[in-house]
């Protein structure tokens, strides 16, 4: 099994969520062409795409720049993926409020 890792900077999370919201709305009526593809990419090499295939809208998530790894989903799963990213951001925010993330972004144990 080929694996790849893409890092998402904290300051990219909101724009990633907005990008997912935007590309999730693209459909066949968005273009006069017979097919379409809409992409959102992060600085770390994560790409979320929606595209048409056989009169259906699909999602592809790819990671990496060299030896890319891709996973394909039905568009119905895109809100779940968006929700997981939002939950991760909320967890980071909670850790920051509780001062459990140091200046290097590492999680420290809570004070006793």
C-alpha atoms as a PDB file:
ATOM      1  CA  UNK A   1       0.000   0.000   0.000  1.00  0.00           C
ATOM      2  CA  UNK A   2       1.374   3.395  -0.987  1.00  0.00           C
ATOM      3  CA  UNK A   3       1.063   6.099   1.651  1.00  0.00           C
ATOM      4  CA  UNK A   4       1.455   9.848   1.481  1.00  0.00           C
ATOM      5  CA  UNK A   5       1.257  12.636   4.025  1.00  0.00           C
ATOM      6  CA  UNK A   6       0.095  16.189   3.457  1.00  0.00           C
ATOM      7  CA  UNK A   7       0.291  18.768   6.215  1.00  0.00           C
ATOM      8  CA  UNK A   8      -2.313  21.481   6.606  1.00  0.00           C
ATOM      9  CA  UNK A   9      -1.199  24.675   8.314  1.00  0.00           C
ATOM     10  CA  UNK A  10      -3.587  25.948  10.958  1.00  0.00           C
ATOM     11  CA  UNK A  11      -4.049  29.209   9.065  1.00  0.00           C
ATOM     12  CA  UNK A  12      -5.219  27.212   6.002  1.00  0.00           C
ATOM     13  CA  UNK A  13      -8.027  25.309   7.728  1.00  0.00           C
ATOM     14  CA  UNK A  14     -10.734  27.954   7.328  1.00  0.00           C
ATOM     15  CA  UNK A  15      -9.915  28.464   3.645  1.00  0.00           C
ATOM     16  CA  UNK A  16      -9.834  24.676   3.132  1.00  0.00           C
ATOM     17  CA  UNK A  17     -13.330  24.424   4.617  1.00  0.00           C
ATOM     18  CA  UNK A  18     -14.502  27.342   2.448  1.00  0.00           C
ATOM     19  CA  UNK A  19     -12.891  25.723  -0.592  1.00  0.00           C
ATOM     20  CA  UNK A  20     -14.706  22.461   0.107  1.00  0.00           C
ATOM     21  CA  UNK A  21     -17.973  24.386   0.457  1.00  0.00           C
ATOM     22  CA  UNK A  22     -17.338  26.105  -2.880  1.00  0.00           C
ATOM     23  CA  UNK A  23     -16.379  23.034  -4.917  1.00  0.00           C
ATOM     24  CA  UNK A  24     -19.258  21.046  -3.425  1.00  0.00           C
ATOM     25  CA  UNK A  25     -21.674  23.455  -5.139  1.00  0.00           C
ATOM     26  CA  UNK A  26     -20.138  23.073  -8.606  1.00  0.00           C
ATOM     27  CA  UNK A  27     -22.341  20.935 -10.834  1.00  0.00           C
ATOM     28  CA  UNK A  28     -23.281  20.388 -14.475  1.00  0.00           C
ATOM     29  CA  UNK A  29     -25.202  23.673 -14.578  1.00  0.00           C
ATOM     30  CA  UNK A  30     -21.991  25.556 -13.655  1.00  0.00           C
ATOM     31  CA  UNK A  31     -20.540  25.077 -17.126  1.00  0.00           C
ATOM     32  CA  UNK A  32     -21.625  24.613 -20.710  1.00  0.00           C
ATOM     33  CA  UNK A  33     -19.144  21.760 -21.111  1.00  0.00           C
ATOM     34  CA  UNK A  34     -20.222  18.135 -20.886  1.00  0.00           C
ATOM     35  CA  UNK A  35     -17.958  17.500 -17.872  1.00  0.00           C
ATOM     36  CA  UNK A  36     -16.251  19.537 -15.177  1.00  0.00           C
ATOM     37  CA  UNK A  37     -13.653  19.425 -12.416  1.00  0.00           C
ATOM     38  CA  UNK A  38     -13.191  21.855  -9.521  1.00  0.00           C
ATOM     39  CA  UNK A  39     -10.124  21.681  -7.255  1.00  0.00           C
ATOM     40  CA  UNK A  40      -8.924  23.139  -3.977  1.00  0.00           C
ATOM     41  CA  UNK A  41      -5.274  22.626  -2.987  1.00  0.00           C
ATOM     42  CA  UNK A  42      -3.330  23.402   0.179  1.00  0.00           C
ATOM     43  CA  UNK A  43       0.297  24.506   0.382  1.00  0.00           C
ATOM     44  CA  UNK A  44       1.164  21.064   1.773  1.00  0.00           C
ATOM     45  CA  UNK A  45      -0.061  19.141  -1.250  1.00  0.00           C
ATOM     46  CA  UNK A  46      -3.571  18.111  -0.185  1.00  0.00           C
ATOM     47  CA  UNK A  47      -6.051  18.442  -3.054  1.00  0.00           C
ATOM     48  CA  UNK A  48      -9.813  18.049  -2.863  1.00  0.00           C
ATOM     49  CA  UNK A  49     -11.578  17.816  -6.222  1.00  0.00           C
ATOM     50  CA  UNK A  50     -15.116  17.408  -7.421  1.00  0.00           C
ATOM     51  CA  UNK A  51     -15.703  16.178 -10.946  1.00  0.00           C
ATOM     52  CA  UNK A  52     -18.370  14.742 -13.183  1.00  0.00           C
ATOM     53  CA  UNK A  53     -18.198  11.166 -14.386  1.00  0.00           C
ATOM     54  CA  UNK A  54     -20.978   9.208 -16.080  1.00  0.00           C
ATOM     55  CA  UNK A  55     -23.604  11.793 -15.074  1.00  0.00           C
ATOM     56  CA  UNK A  56     -22.545  11.581 -11.409  1.00  0.00           C
ATOM     57  CA  UNK A  57     -20.497  13.944  -9.271  1.00  0.00           C
ATOM     58  CA  UNK A  58     -17.528  12.351  -7.534  1.00  0.00           C
ATOM     59  CA  UNK A  59     -14.870  13.538  -5.096  1.00  0.00           C
ATOM     60  CA  UNK A  60     -11.160  12.835  -5.267  1.00  0.00           C
ATOM     61  CA  UNK A  61      -8.776  13.586  -2.422  1.00  0.00           C
ATOM     62  CA  UNK A  62      -5.101  13.392  -3.251  1.00  0.00           C
ATOM     63  CA  UNK A  63      -2.006  13.761  -1.139  1.00  0.00           C
ATOM     64  CA  UNK A  64       1.557  14.438  -2.139  1.00  0.00           C
ATOM     65  CA  UNK A  65       3.282  16.025  -5.078  1.00  0.00           C
ATOM     66  CA  UNK A  66       5.439  13.114  -6.150  1.00  0.00           C
ATOM     67  CA  UNK A  67       3.870   9.640  -6.168  1.00  0.00           C
ATOM     68  CA  UNK A  68       0.436  11.105  -5.432  1.00  0.00           C
ATOM     69  CA  UNK A  69      -2.044   8.956  -3.571  1.00  0.00           C
ATOM     70  CA  UNK A  70      -5.727   9.408  -4.411  1.00  0.00           C
ATOM     71  CA  UNK A  71      -8.969   8.270  -2.859  1.00  0.00           C
ATOM     72  CA  UNK A  72     -12.329   8.556  -4.596  1.00  0.00           C
ATOM     73  CA  UNK A  73     -15.709   9.099  -2.960  1.00  0.00           C
ATOM     74  CA  UNK A  74     -19.298   9.781  -3.824  1.00  0.00           C
ATOM     75  CA  UNK A  75     -20.158  13.492  -3.407  1.00  0.00           C
ATOM     76  CA  UNK A  76     -22.491  12.484  -0.551  1.00  0.00           C
ATOM     77  CA  UNK A  77     -19.414  11.900   1.661  1.00  0.00           C
ATOM     78  CA  UNK A  78     -17.937  15.384   1.161  1.00  0.00           C
ATOM     79  CA  UNK A  79     -19.934  16.967   4.050  1.00  0.00           C
ATOM     80  CA  UNK A  80     -18.568  14.244   6.364  1.00  0.00           C
ATOM     81  CA  UNK A  81     -15.000  15.012   5.308  1.00  0.00           C
ATOM     82  CA  UNK A  82     -15.631  18.740   5.815  1.00  0.00           C
ATOM     83  CA  UNK A  83     -17.071  18.007   9.266  1.00  0.00           C
ATOM     84  CA  UNK A  84     -13.987  16.001  10.286  1.00  0.00           C
ATOM     85  CA  UNK A  85     -11.734  18.890   9.289  1.00  0.00           C
ATOM     86  CA  UNK A  86     -13.942  21.281  11.280  1.00  0.00           C
ATOM     87  CA  UNK A  87     -13.801  18.993  14.312  1.00  0.00           C
ATOM     88  CA  UNK A  88     -10.003  18.867  14.087  1.00  0.00           C
ATOM     89  CA  UNK A  89      -9.865  22.686  14.026  1.00  0.00           C
ATOM     90  CA  UNK A  90     -12.191  22.876  17.039  1.00  0.00           C
ATOM     91  CA  UNK A  91      -9.918  20.456  18.929  1.00  0.00           C
ATOM     92  CA  UNK A  92      -6.853  22.567  18.114  1.00  0.00           C
ATOM     93  CA  UNK A  93      -8.716  25.710  19.219  1.00  0.00           C
ATOM     94  CA  UNK A  94      -9.678  24.048  22.525  1.00  0.00           C
ATOM     95  CA  UNK A  95      -6.070  23.022  23.135  1.00  0.00           C
ATOM     96  CA  UNK A  96      -4.889  26.552  22.383  1.00  0.00           C
ATOM     97  CA  UNK A  97      -7.415  28.033  24.825  1.00  0.00           C
ATOM     98  CA  UNK A  98      -6.236  25.641  27.517  1.00  0.00           C
ATOM     99  CA  UNK A  99      -2.631  26.565  26.639  1.00  0.00           C
ATOM    100  CA  UNK A 100      -1.775  22.950  25.886  1.00  0.00           C
ATOM    101  CA  UNK A 101      -0.038  23.797  22.606  1.00  0.00           C
ATOM    102  CA  UNK A 102       3.428  25.263  23.001  1.00  0.00           C
ATOM    103  CA  UNK A 103       5.053  27.766  20.640  1.00  0.00           C
ATOM    104  CA  UNK A 104       6.269  24.889  18.423  1.00  0.00           C
ATOM    105  CA  UNK A 105       2.745  23.512  17.968  1.00  0.00           C
ATOM    106  CA  UNK A 106       3.356  20.509  20.210  1.00  0.00           C
ATOM    107  CA  UNK A 107       0.705  19.316  22.656  1.00  0.00           C
ATOM    108  CA  UNK A 108       1.790  19.547  26.274  1.00  0.00           C
ATOM    109  CA  UNK A 109       0.075  17.865  29.225  1.00  0.00           C
ATOM    110  CA  UNK A 110      -2.412  20.044  31.105  1.00  0.00           C
ATOM    111  CA  UNK A 111      -1.148  21.722  34.264  1.00  0.00           C
ATOM    112  CA  UNK A 112      -1.697  19.739  37.434  1.00  0.00           C
END
